[in-house]
Amino acid sequence: MTVIRSKLDVRSEEYRERREAMLGKLAELDSEHAKALEGGGRKYVDRHHGRGKLLARERIELLLDPDSPFLELSPLAGFGSAFPVGASVITGIGVIEGVECLIVANDPTVKGGASNPWTLRKSFRASDISRANRLPVINLVESGGADLPTQKEIFIPGGRMFRDLTRASAEGIPTVALVFGNSTAGGAYIPGMCDHVVMVKERAKVFLGGPPLVKMATGEESDDESLGGAEMHARRSGLADYMAADEQDAIRIGRAIVRRLNVRKDPPPVAVPPVCDEDELLGVVPEDLKIPFDPREVIARLVDASDFDEFKPLYGTSLVTGWASLHGYPIGILANAQGVLFSAEAQKAAQFIQLANQRDIPLLFLQNTTGYMVGAEYEQNGMIKHGAMMVNAVSNSKVPHLTVVMGASYGAGNYGMCGRAYDPRFLFAWPSAKSAVMGPAQLAGVLSIVMRESAASRGLPFDEEQDAAMRGMVESQIEAESLPYVLSGLLYDDGIIDPRDTRTVLGLCLSVIHNAPVRGAGGFGVFRM
């Protein structure tokens, strides 16, 4: 066995400082997650409970198998926007009757569950995950439709939700709607396009236009129940396949539907815990990301038995590549060691990615990169060609990719190490992560040089004081924009996770990935040599 021998000194002052810094970041993360957990706030939560209704998270908890995990996705969606954190919808992966399912639950305590622009983005991401991994989709519906003040950002792209449901059904991916309350306007098409529909008696209201709109459009007088009640849809329109007595009954019926889906999957492989303690991941990443760290210390605390068979260990040493198992599933790993990617690292990565595709092995990218190396010598030696070779390999690789941003994720290194634009099946960040076109000081410095050269070319004096102020302002701006909360709020990752949970999260993702066939690429684009 090729067990990694950890050199991490957990008794050192350096380790203690790194651990304390990470714990501080996790405390900040907990406070941000709390905003999503509180939904629309105590007033609206109490009002919802006062009507005898369960909260969205309570519905999810009852729906899932007892003591099974729930991998919530994009919990910070909308961070920094005018909308509440979480975007009025909960998405995630959980196990129902032994079947891994993608769950989408409207949060009616936030503007009645109305969809805003971030709701769409979050829902689209969930839909992509469902289709890529062939996960049944369970919609827990209670929504007032579109947030009307922002309809121009919702109406036209929002049609994709219905398109995705019908395409999933055509591809044999089951879709289920459990309707607990209002499902109005565009929201009515969610149950309308699902394979299976359950409505709660005297609670579910599904109609294209409510009584006020019908009155305005046609002059007809109507009421909620005759227009779109569960009883009407179960007995007359046929939209409801089942009418539940109450919310708990709807969840019982939903679980029964999943049990009868005939979804089959091979039993999970045997997993062996790492030799090294996962808790020690708190003290690996420095507070200052310019200080390098050895990613083998991370790998040793993620993979089974801390066993890692390194590929090309003496070549391109600022990128660590190799083979391992994680929760019993085979995995190929690419991890940044010293941050910068040189030509050797790019060529090494391209070959390794090809090998993984040849063997049908998923890939895990552990990011801590400042990008590809610049400078005359490196350009002359073909840095662009070799960087393009790595990006080509990542772009055309067909095995599933998982990405974890541990530290820096700057420049084209983000692309070569499978950032969001390269469609990893899942992408998570640690609280220590930062991502931008380049580091704040470098970006501000580039702008300063350009401004200085511009002034010189025009024969004008250069204002050093103004330059210093500009650099400070730009550095602050880029620093703020590259923080993980901001990027997670923009849905550039699937969530910020505690480093100690990384092995568990990746294990869940690998299990989900294997609901669909894992097949490598049959060919790649032209590699410039």
Protein backbone atom coordinates (compact mmCIF):
# COMPACT_ATOMS: atom_id res chain seq x y z
CA MET A 1 0.00 0.00 0.00
CA THR A 2 1.14 3.55 -0.75
CA VAL A 3 -0.05 5.16 2.48
CA ILE A 4 0.74 8.87 2.80
CA ARG A 5 2.97 9.56 5.78
CA SER A 6 1.69 12.79 7.25
CA LYS A 7 4.22 15.44 8.22
CA LEU A 8 1.63 17.77 9.73
CA ASP A 9 2.75 18.82 13.21
CA VAL A 10 -0.51 19.28 15.07
CA ARG A 11 1.37 20.55 18.16
CA SER A 12 3.07 23.42 16.37
CA GLU A 13 2.15 27.09 16.78
CA GLU A 14 1.67 27.33 13.00
CA TYR A 15 -0.93 24.56 13.05
CA ARG A 16 -2.71 26.11 16.02
CA GLU A 17 -2.93 29.52 14.29
CA ARG A 18 -4.27 27.99 11.09
CA ARG A 19 -6.85 25.98 13.02
CA GLU A 20 -8.03 29.00 14.98
CA ALA A 21 -8.33 31.06 11.79
CA MET A 22 -10.42 28.33 10.11
CA LEU A 23 -12.67 27.97 13.17
CA GLY A 24 -13.27 31.72 13.02
CA LYS A 25 -14.30 31.44 9.37
CA LEU A 26 -16.61 28.54 10.22
CA ALA A 27 -18.31 30.62 12.91
CA GLU A 28 -18.97 33.31 10.28
CA LEU A 29 -20.30 30.62 7.93
CA ASP A 30 -22.69 29.35 10.61
CA SER A 31 -24.15 32.84 11.02
CA GLU A 32 -24.74 33.11 7.26
CA HIS A 33 -26.34 29.67 7.11
CA ALA A 34 -28.61 30.71 9.99
CA LYS A 35 -30.11 33.39 7.74
CA ALA A 36 -31.17 30.72 5.26
CA LEU A 37 -32.53 28.50 8.05
CA GLU A 38 -34.77 31.23 9.44
CA GLY A 39 -36.60 31.58 6.09
CA GLY A 40 -38.86 34.63 6.08
CA GLY A 41 -38.27 35.32 9.77
CA ARG A 42 -40.03 34.50 13.03
CA LYS A 43 -43.22 36.44 12.18
CA TYR A 44 -43.88 34.46 9.01
CA VAL A 45 -42.73 31.16 10.49
CA ASP A 46 -45.21 31.57 13.36
CA ARG A 47 -47.97 32.56 10.94
CA HIS A 48 -47.28 29.46 8.83
CA HIS A 49 -47.30 27.17 11.87
CA GLY A 50 -50.45 28.92 13.10
CA ARG A 51 -52.23 27.76 9.96
CA GLY A 52 -51.39 24.17 10.87
CA LYS A 53 -48.72 23.85 8.19
CA LEU A 54 -45.26 22.33 8.29
CA LEU A 55 -42.20 24.36 7.34
CA ALA A 56 -40.36 23.36 4.15
CA ARG A 57 -37.47 21.83 6.13
CA GLU A 58 -39.91 19.92 8.35
CA ARG A 59 -41.52 18.47 5.23
CA ILE A 60 -38.12 17.39 3.93
CA GLU A 61 -37.23 15.79 7.25
CA LEU A 62 -40.41 13.69 7.25
CA LEU A 63 -39.91 12.74 3.61
CA LEU A 64 -36.37 11.39 4.07
CA ASP A 65 -35.48 7.98 5.47
CA PRO A 66 -34.84 8.18 9.23
CA ASP A 67 -31.24 9.11 10.15
CA SER A 68 -30.25 9.49 6.49
CA PRO A 69 -28.18 12.50 5.35
CA PHE A 70 -29.44 15.48 3.40
CA LEU A 71 -26.88 17.21 1.20
CA GLU A 72 -28.25 20.74 0.88
CA LEU A 73 -27.20 22.61 -2.26
CA SER A 74 -26.62 26.34 -2.75
CA PRO A 75 -27.87 27.35 0.74
CA LEU A 76 -26.37 30.86 0.39
CA ALA A 77 -27.95 31.62 -3.00
CA GLY A 78 -28.77 35.31 -3.25
CA PHE A 79 -26.19 36.39 -0.66
CA GLY A 80 -25.53 40.10 -1.02
CA SER A 81 -28.61 40.66 -3.20
CA ALA A 82 -31.89 42.38 -2.35
CA PHE A 83 -33.47 38.96 -1.73
CA PRO A 84 -33.29 36.78 1.40
CA VAL A 85 -30.40 34.34 1.58
CA GLY A 86 -31.54 30.96 0.27
CA ALA A 87 -33.69 32.40 -2.54
CA SER A 88 -37.01 31.14 -1.10
CA VAL A 89 -36.33 27.56 -2.15
CA ILE A 90 -34.48 24.61 -0.60
CA THR A 91 -32.69 22.17 -2.87
CA GLY A 92 -30.66 19.11 -2.00
CA ILE A 93 -30.11 15.39 -2.26
CA GLY A 94 -31.59 12.91 0.18
CA VAL A 95 -32.54 9.25 0.44
CA ILE A 96 -36.23 8.27 0.23
CA GLU A 97 -37.11 4.58 0.55
CA GLY A 98 -33.48 3.79 -0.19
CA VAL A 99 -33.49 5.89 -3.39
CA GLU A 100 -31.29 8.97 -3.79
CA CYS A 101 -33.53 11.83 -4.91
CA LEU A 102 -33.18 15.49 -5.80
CA ILE A 103 -35.57 17.50 -3.61
CA VAL A 104 -36.85 20.99 -4.44
CA ALA A 105 -38.99 22.61 -1.73
CA ASN A 106 -40.55 26.08 -1.92
CA ASP A 107 -40.27 28.06 1.31
CA PRO A 108 -43.68 29.72 1.72
CA THR A 109 -42.47 31.85 4.65
CA VAL A 110 -40.51 33.96 2.13
CA LYS A 111 -43.01 36.02 0.13
CA GLY A 112 -45.36 33.06 -0.08
CA GLY A 113 -42.68 30.99 -1.80
CA ALA A 114 -42.64 33.32 -4.81
CA SER A 115 -39.78 32.81 -7.26
CA ASN A 116 -37.19 35.55 -7.70
CA PRO A 117 -34.24 35.58 -10.13
CA TRP A 118 -32.05 33.68 -7.65
CA THR A 119 -34.77 31.06 -7.18
CA LEU A 120 -34.53 30.36 -10.90
CA ARG A 121 -30.75 30.02 -10.90
CA LYS A 122 -30.83 27.74 -7.89
CA SER A 123 -33.61 25.61 -9.37
CA PHE A 124 -31.83 25.36 -12.72
CA ARG A 125 -28.66 24.15 -10.99
CA ALA A 126 -30.68 21.51 -9.13
CA SER A 127 -32.24 20.41 -12.42
CA ASP A 128 -28.78 20.06 -14.01
CA ILE A 129 -27.65 17.86 -11.12
CA SER A 130 -30.75 15.69 -11.39
CA ARG A 131 -30.34 15.06 -15.11
CA ALA A 132 -26.57 14.47 -15.04
CA ASN A 133 -26.92 11.91 -12.24
CA ARG A 134 -30.37 10.54 -13.16
CA LEU A 135 -31.91 11.42 -9.80
CA PRO A 136 -35.70 11.34 -9.36
CA VAL A 137 -37.01 14.86 -8.68
CA ILE A 138 -39.39 15.44 -5.78
CA ASN A 139 -41.03 18.88 -5.78
CA LEU A 140 -42.57 20.06 -2.50
CA VAL A 141 -44.81 22.77 -3.90
CA GLU A 142 -46.25 25.84 -2.22
CA SER A 143 -45.54 28.92 -4.29
CA GLY A 144 -47.32 32.10 -5.29
CA GLY A 145 -45.58 32.04 -8.68
CA ALA A 146 -43.23 34.77 -9.85
CA ASP A 147 -42.12 37.72 -7.75
CA LEU A 148 -43.97 40.24 -9.91
CA PRO A 149 -41.69 43.27 -9.39
CA THR A 150 -38.86 41.24 -10.97
CA GLN A 151 -40.97 39.46 -13.59
CA LYS A 152 -38.81 40.74 -16.46
CA GLU A 153 -35.92 38.65 -15.08
CA ILE A 154 -38.09 35.61 -14.40
CA PHE A 155 -40.77 35.16 -17.03
CA ILE A 156 -38.77 34.33 -20.16
CA PRO A 157 -35.94 32.21 -18.63
CA GLY A 158 -38.39 30.62 -16.18
CA GLY A 159 -39.88 28.48 -18.92
CA ARG A 160 -36.81 26.29 -18.64
CA MET A 161 -38.18 24.77 -15.42
CA PHE A 162 -41.06 23.20 -17.29
CA ARG A 163 -38.87 22.18 -20.22
CA ASP A 164 -36.49 20.41 -17.82
CA LEU A 165 -39.32 18.50 -16.14
CA THR A 166 -40.67 17.20 -19.43
CA ARG A 167 -37.20 16.28 -20.71
CA ALA A 168 -36.42 14.45 -17.49
CA SER A 169 -39.62 12.43 -17.88
CA ALA A 170 -38.74 11.64 -21.50
CA GLU A 171 -35.34 10.37 -20.35
CA GLY A 172 -36.94 8.06 -17.79
CA ILE A 173 -36.08 10.23 -14.77
CA PRO A 174 -39.14 10.19 -12.48
CA THR A 175 -40.69 13.50 -11.39
CA VAL A 176 -43.08 13.89 -8.46
CA ALA A 177 -45.02 16.89 -7.12
CA LEU A 178 -46.44 17.03 -3.59
CA VAL A 179 -48.66 20.13 -3.48
CA PHE A 180 -49.18 21.56 0.01
CA GLY A 181 -50.65 24.97 -0.77
CA ASN A 182 -50.91 27.53 -3.54
CA SER A 183 -49.38 26.62 -6.89
CA THR A 184 -50.35 29.59 -8.98
CA ALA A 185 -49.77 30.80 -12.55
CA GLY A 186 -46.48 29.37 -13.83
CA GLY A 187 -46.25 27.37 -10.60
CA ALA A 188 -49.33 25.40 -11.72
CA TYR A 189 -47.26 23.83 -14.47
CA ILE A 190 -44.96 22.16 -11.93
CA PRO A 191 -47.60 19.56 -10.99
CA GLY A 192 -48.94 19.78 -14.53
CA MET A 193 -45.67 18.45 -15.93
CA CYS A 194 -44.70 15.94 -13.24
CA ASP A 195 -45.22 12.19 -13.64
CA HIS A 196 -46.92 11.84 -10.26
CA VAL A 197 -49.02 14.44 -8.40
CA VAL A 198 -50.29 14.45 -4.82
CA MET A 199 -52.48 17.29 -3.50
CA VAL A 200 -53.47 18.01 0.09
CA LYS A 201 -57.22 18.23 0.63
CA GLU A 202 -58.53 21.74 1.38
CA ARG A 203 -54.95 23.08 1.22
CA ALA A 204 -53.65 22.65 -2.32
CA LYS A 205 -54.78 25.31 -4.77
CA VAL A 206 -53.56 24.81 -8.35
CA PHE A 207 -54.73 27.22 -11.01
CA LEU A 208 -53.32 29.29 -13.87
CA GLY A 209 -55.19 32.35 -12.63
CA GLY A 210 -56.72 32.91 -9.22
CA PRO A 211 -60.24 34.29 -8.68
CA PRO A 212 -59.15 37.96 -8.98
CA LEU A 213 -57.40 37.35 -12.31
CA VAL A 214 -60.30 35.29 -13.64
CA LYS A 215 -62.66 38.12 -12.68
CA MET A 216 -60.49 40.67 -14.48
CA ALA A 217 -59.97 38.51 -17.58
CA THR A 218 -63.43 36.99 -18.08
CA GLY A 219 -65.81 38.57 -15.59
CA GLU A 220 -66.46 35.14 -14.08
CA GLU A 221 -67.04 34.86 -10.33
CA SER A 222 -65.23 31.87 -8.81
CA ASP A 223 -63.64 30.63 -5.60
CA ASP A 224 -60.33 28.88 -4.84
CA GLU A 225 -61.82 25.44 -4.34
CA SER A 226 -63.91 25.25 -7.51
CA LEU A 227 -61.14 26.86 -9.54
CA GLY A 228 -58.21 24.77 -8.35
CA GLY A 229 -58.83 22.82 -5.14
CA ALA A 230 -57.47 19.34 -4.52
CA GLU A 231 -60.95 17.81 -4.51
CA MET A 232 -61.75 19.31 -7.91
CA HIS A 233 -58.46 18.19 -9.44
CA ALA A 234 -58.80 14.68 -7.98
CA ARG A 235 -62.44 14.20 -9.06
CA ARG A 236 -62.91 16.36 -12.16
CA SER A 237 -59.79 17.67 -13.93
CA GLY A 238 -57.71 14.56 -13.19
CA LEU A 239 -54.60 16.64 -12.49
CA ALA A 240 -54.23 15.09 -9.02
CA ASP A 241 -53.33 11.41 -8.96
CA TYR A 242 -53.79 11.23 -5.19
CA MET A 243 -55.66 13.42 -2.69
CA ALA A 244 -54.01 13.42 0.73
CA ALA A 245 -55.92 14.00 3.96
CA ASP A 246 -53.17 16.26 5.35
CA GLU A 247 -49.50 17.11 4.91
CA GLN A 248 -48.24 14.01 6.70
CA ASP A 249 -50.45 11.85 4.50
CA ALA A 250 -49.09 13.57 1.38
CA ILE A 251 -45.55 12.77 2.50
CA ARG A 252 -46.56 9.15 3.18
CA ILE A 253 -48.00 8.87 -0.32
CA GLY A 254 -44.89 10.52 -1.77
CA ARG A 255 -42.65 7.96 -0.08
CA ALA A 256 -44.87 5.16 -1.43
CA ILE A 257 -44.54 6.56 -4.96
CA VAL A 258 -40.74 6.54 -4.70
CA ARG A 259 -40.81 3.00 -3.31
CA ARG A 260 -42.66 1.86 -6.45
CA LEU A 261 -40.39 3.62 -8.97
CA ASN A 262 -38.34 0.46 -9.55
CA VAL A 263 -35.07 2.39 -9.23
CA ARG A 264 -32.22 -0.07 -8.79
CA LYS A 265 -28.60 0.52 -7.94
CA ASP A 266 -25.62 -1.62 -7.06
CA PRO A 267 -24.87 -1.76 -3.31
CA PRO A 268 -22.22 0.72 -2.16
CA PRO A 269 -18.61 -0.49 -2.06
CA VAL A 270 -16.77 -1.08 1.19
CA ALA A 271 -15.14 2.06 2.58
CA VAL A 272 -12.09 2.23 4.85
CA PRO A 273 -11.56 5.34 7.02
CA PRO A 274 -8.39 7.39 6.47
CA VAL A 275 -5.45 6.68 8.73
CA CYS A 276 -5.10 10.42 9.38
CA ASP A 277 -7.68 12.32 11.40
CA GLU A 278 -10.17 14.38 9.31
CA ASP A 279 -10.43 16.92 12.14
CA GLU A 280 -6.85 17.96 11.40
CA LEU A 281 -7.98 19.46 8.08
CA LEU A 282 -8.80 22.59 10.07
CA GLY A 283 -5.10 23.36 10.43
CA VAL A 284 -3.80 22.69 6.92
CA VAL A 285 -4.64 25.86 4.95
CA PRO A 286 -2.75 29.06 5.93
CA GLU A 287 -4.63 32.28 6.59
CA ASP A 288 -2.36 33.91 4.00
CA LEU A 289 -2.98 32.04 0.74
CA LYS A 290 0.38 33.18 -0.63
CA ILE A 291 1.94 30.62 1.73
CA PRO A 292 1.97 27.18 0.05
CA PHE A 293 0.80 23.99 1.75
CA ASP A 294 1.16 20.34 0.84
CA PRO A 295 -2.12 18.99 -0.61
CA ARG A 296 -1.03 15.46 0.31
CA GLU A 297 -1.94 16.41 3.87
CA VAL A 298 -5.49 17.00 2.61
CA ILE A 299 -5.55 13.84 0.48
CA ALA A 300 -4.33 11.76 3.44
CA ARG A 301 -7.44 12.85 5.37
CA LEU A 302 -9.91 12.25 2.54
CA VAL A 303 -9.09 8.95 0.85
CA ASP A 304 -9.64 5.42 2.08
CA ALA A 305 -6.83 4.16 4.34
CA SER A 306 -4.89 7.35 3.40
CA ASP A 307 -3.69 5.22 0.48
CA PHE A 308 -2.64 7.34 -2.52
CA ASP A 309 -0.77 5.98 -5.55
CA GLU A 310 0.94 9.11 -6.88
CA PHE A 311 1.37 9.52 -10.64
CA LYS A 312 4.56 11.18 -11.98
CA PRO A 313 5.70 12.28 -8.49
CA LEU A 314 9.06 13.62 -9.79
CA TYR A 315 7.66 15.55 -12.76
CA GLY A 316 5.64 18.78 -12.62
CA THR A 317 5.84 18.75 -8.85
CA SER A 318 3.61 21.78 -8.23
CA LEU A 319 0.65 19.60 -9.28
CA VAL A 320 0.03 16.37 -7.37
CA THR A 321 -1.81 13.65 -9.32
CA GLY A 322 -2.66 10.09 -8.40
CA TRP A 323 -5.14 7.29 -7.79
CA ALA A 324 -7.10 6.42 -4.67
CA SER A 325 -10.45 5.20 -3.37
CA LEU A 326 -12.92 7.39 -1.51
CA HIS A 327 -15.75 5.68 0.35
CA GLY A 328 -14.89 2.63 -1.75
CA TYR A 329 -15.24 4.40 -5.10
CA PRO A 330 -12.16 4.71 -7.36
CA ILE A 331 -11.03 8.29 -7.90
CA GLY A 332 -8.29 10.16 -9.72
CA ILE A 333 -7.03 13.27 -7.91
CA LEU A 334 -5.39 16.46 -9.19
CA ALA A 335 -4.27 18.80 -6.40
CA ASN A 336 -2.29 22.04 -6.59
CA ALA A 337 0.87 21.99 -4.48
CA GLN A 338 2.71 25.29 -4.95
CA GLY A 339 -0.08 27.27 -6.58
CA VAL A 340 1.53 28.09 -9.95
CA LEU A 341 1.01 25.78 -12.92
CA PHE A 342 4.02 25.45 -15.27
CA SER A 343 4.25 23.67 -18.64
CA ALA A 344 5.25 20.37 -17.02
CA GLU A 345 2.24 20.47 -14.69
CA ALA A 346 -0.13 21.22 -17.57
CA GLN A 347 1.19 18.32 -19.67
CA LYS A 348 1.13 15.99 -16.68
CA ALA A 349 -2.50 16.94 -15.99
CA ALA A 350 -3.54 16.36 -19.60
CA GLN A 351 -2.03 12.88 -19.62
CA PHE A 352 -3.57 12.01 -16.26
CA ILE A 353 -7.02 13.16 -17.37
CA GLN A 354 -6.73 11.02 -20.49
CA LEU A 355 -5.82 8.00 -18.37
CA ALA A 356 -8.84 8.53 -16.12
CA ASN A 357 -11.09 8.66 -19.17
CA GLN A 358 -9.52 5.50 -20.53
CA ARG A 359 -10.28 3.72 -17.24
CA ASP A 360 -13.73 5.32 -16.61
CA ILE A 361 -12.57 6.77 -13.28
CA PRO A 362 -14.11 10.01 -11.89
CA LEU A 363 -11.76 12.91 -11.18
CA LEU A 364 -11.41 15.09 -8.09
CA PHE A 365 -9.82 18.55 -8.46
CA LEU A 366 -8.45 20.11 -5.26
CA GLN A 367 -7.86 23.75 -6.14
CA ASN A 368 -5.23 26.07 -4.71
CA THR A 369 -3.81 27.80 -7.76
CA THR A 370 -2.68 31.28 -8.76
CA GLY A 371 -2.88 30.31 -12.45
CA TYR A 372 -0.42 29.50 -15.24
CA MET A 373 3.09 30.91 -15.08
CA VAL A 374 3.86 34.13 -16.96
CA GLY A 375 7.14 35.59 -18.21
CA ALA A 376 9.27 35.59 -21.38
CA GLU A 377 11.01 32.29 -20.68
CA TYR A 378 7.73 30.47 -20.02
CA GLU A 379 5.96 31.99 -23.02
CA GLN A 380 8.89 31.00 -25.27
CA ASN A 381 8.76 27.46 -23.93
CA GLY A 382 5.07 27.10 -24.90
CA MET A 383 3.11 27.95 -21.77
CA ILE A 384 0.04 28.90 -23.78
CA LYS A 385 0.12 25.64 -25.77
CA HIS A 386 0.58 23.53 -22.67
CA GLY A 387 -2.03 25.40 -20.65
CA ALA A 388 -4.42 25.00 -23.57
CA MET A 389 -3.62 21.26 -23.62
CA MET A 390 -4.74 20.96 -19.98
CA VAL A 391 -7.88 23.03 -20.56
CA ASN A 392 -8.63 20.94 -23.67
CA ALA A 393 -8.35 17.74 -21.62
CA VAL A 394 -10.64 19.08 -18.88
CA SER A 395 -13.16 20.41 -21.41
CA ASN A 396 -13.48 17.14 -23.33
CA SER A 397 -13.19 14.74 -20.41
CA LYS A 398 -16.42 12.76 -20.01
CA VAL A 399 -15.89 11.10 -16.64
CA PRO A 400 -17.64 12.89 -13.77
CA HIS A 401 -15.64 15.70 -12.17
CA LEU A 402 -15.75 16.86 -8.54
CA THR A 403 -14.08 20.11 -7.51
CA VAL A 404 -13.19 21.49 -4.07
CA VAL A 405 -11.74 25.00 -3.83
CA MET A 406 -9.47 24.83 -0.77
CA GLY A 407 -7.61 28.13 -1.19
CA ALA A 408 -6.77 30.34 -4.16
CA SER A 409 -8.52 29.90 -7.50
CA TYR A 410 -7.12 32.60 -9.75
CA GLY A 411 -6.83 33.18 -13.48
CA ALA A 412 -6.95 30.38 -16.01
CA GLY A 413 -5.89 28.02 -13.23
CA ASN A 414 -9.57 28.07 -12.26
CA TYR A 415 -10.37 26.77 -15.74
CA GLY A 416 -7.65 24.12 -15.95
CA MET A 417 -8.62 22.84 -12.49
CA CYS A 418 -12.27 22.47 -13.51
CA GLY A 419 -14.00 25.59 -12.19
CA ARG A 420 -17.70 26.21 -12.59
CA ALA A 421 -17.48 27.00 -16.32
CA TYR A 422 -16.26 23.43 -16.97
CA ASP A 423 -19.36 21.75 -15.55
CA PRO A 424 -18.09 19.65 -12.67
CA ARG A 425 -20.87 17.43 -11.37
CA PHE A 426 -20.39 19.09 -7.97
CA LEU A 427 -18.25 22.00 -6.82
CA PHE A 428 -17.76 22.95 -3.17
CA ALA A 429 -15.60 25.55 -1.44
CA TRP A 430 -13.92 25.77 1.93
CA PRO A 431 -14.32 28.97 3.96
CA SER A 432 -10.68 29.73 3.08
CA ALA A 433 -11.40 29.85 -0.67
CA LYS A 434 -10.93 32.92 -2.84
CA SER A 435 -11.43 33.29 -6.57
CA ALA A 436 -10.85 36.09 -9.09
CA VAL A 437 -9.11 36.84 -12.39
CA MET A 438 -5.96 37.41 -10.29
CA GLY A 439 -4.98 38.31 -6.73
CA PRO A 440 -6.11 41.73 -5.42
CA ALA A 441 -2.57 43.15 -5.18
CA GLN A 442 -1.63 41.87 -8.64
CA LEU A 443 -4.76 43.27 -10.25
CA ALA A 444 -4.34 46.68 -8.62
CA GLY A 445 -0.67 46.66 -9.61
CA VAL A 446 -1.47 45.93 -13.25
CA LEU A 447 -3.93 48.83 -13.36
CA SER A 448 -1.31 51.08 -11.77
CA ILE A 449 1.34 50.14 -14.36
CA VAL A 450 -1.10 50.75 -17.24
CA MET A 451 -2.07 54.17 -15.85
CA ARG A 452 1.59 55.09 -15.26
CA GLU A 453 2.57 54.15 -18.83
CA SER A 454 -0.44 56.03 -20.22
CA ALA A 455 0.55 59.20 -18.38
CA ALA A 456 4.16 58.88 -19.57
CA SER A 457 3.10 58.39 -23.21
CA ARG A 458 1.14 61.64 -23.07
CA GLY A 459 3.88 63.52 -21.26
CA LEU A 460 1.73 64.07 -18.19
CA PRO A 461 2.84 63.94 -14.54
CA PHE A 462 1.79 60.86 -12.59
CA ASP A 463 -0.14 61.47 -9.39
CA GLU A 464 1.41 59.04 -6.87
CA GLU A 465 -1.11 59.94 -4.17
CA GLN A 466 -4.06 59.25 -6.43
CA ASP A 467 -2.40 56.01 -7.57
CA ALA A 468 -2.02 54.81 -3.98
CA ALA A 469 -5.68 55.57 -3.29
CA MET A 470 -6.74 53.73 -6.46
CA ARG A 471 -4.69 50.69 -5.57
CA GLY A 472 -6.15 50.55 -2.09
CA MET A 473 -9.70 50.88 -3.40
CA VAL A 474 -9.22 48.20 -6.09
CA GLU A 475 -7.55 45.77 -3.69
CA SER A 476 -10.44 46.16 -1.24
CA GLN A 477 -12.99 45.68 -4.01
CA ILE A 478 -11.36 42.54 -5.43
CA GLU A 479 -10.78 41.11 -1.95
CA ALA A 480 -14.50 41.55 -1.17
CA GLU A 481 -15.64 40.14 -4.52
CA SER A 482 -13.43 37.06 -4.24
CA LEU A 483 -14.76 35.94 -0.84
CA PRO A 484 -16.52 32.55 -0.75
CA TYR A 485 -19.86 33.96 0.48
CA VAL A 486 -20.10 36.27 -2.52
CA LEU A 487 -19.21 33.52 -4.99
CA SER A 488 -21.53 31.03 -3.32
CA GLY A 489 -24.32 33.61 -3.39
CA LEU A 490 -23.80 33.85 -7.16
CA LEU A 491 -24.08 30.02 -7.36
CA TYR A 492 -20.50 29.63 -8.58
CA ASP A 493 -20.30 26.67 -6.20
CA ASP A 494 -22.80 24.22 -4.70
CA GLY A 495 -22.06 25.31 -1.15
CA ILE A 496 -19.36 26.22 1.34
CA ILE A 497 -18.50 23.25 3.52
CA ASP A 498 -16.60 22.58 6.74
CA PRO A 499 -13.26 20.99 5.74
CA ARG A 500 -13.96 18.20 8.25
CA ASP A 501 -17.08 17.25 6.25
CA THR A 502 -15.26 17.04 2.91
CA ARG A 503 -14.82 13.26 2.86
CA THR A 504 -18.49 12.72 3.75
CA VAL A 505 -19.72 15.24 1.16
CA LEU A 506 -17.52 13.75 -1.56
CA GLY A 507 -18.64 10.24 -0.61
CA LEU A 508 -22.29 11.28 -1.00
CA CYS A 509 -21.49 12.87 -4.36
CA LEU A 510 -19.67 9.78 -5.61
CA SER A 511 -22.62 7.63 -4.60
CA VAL A 512 -24.97 9.98 -6.48
CA ILE A 513 -22.72 10.00 -9.55
CA HIS A 514 -22.92 6.22 -9.81
CA ASN A 515 -26.67 6.35 -10.40
CA ALA A 516 -25.69 7.00 -14.02
CA PRO A 517 -23.08 5.14 -16.10
CA VAL A 518 -19.50 6.41 -15.71
CA ARG A 519 -17.95 6.51 -19.17
CA GLY A 520 -14.78 8.22 -20.35
CA ALA A 521 -14.28 10.27 -23.50
CA GLY A 522 -13.86 8.51 -26.81
CA GLY A 523 -11.56 11.28 -28.05
CA PHE A 524 -10.18 14.73 -27.37
CA GLY A 525 -9.71 17.89 -29.36
CA VAL A 526 -6.46 18.69 -31.16
CA PHE A 527 -3.56 19.01 -28.70
CA ARG A 528 -1.09 21.64 -29.96
CA MET A 529 2.35 20.07 -29.56
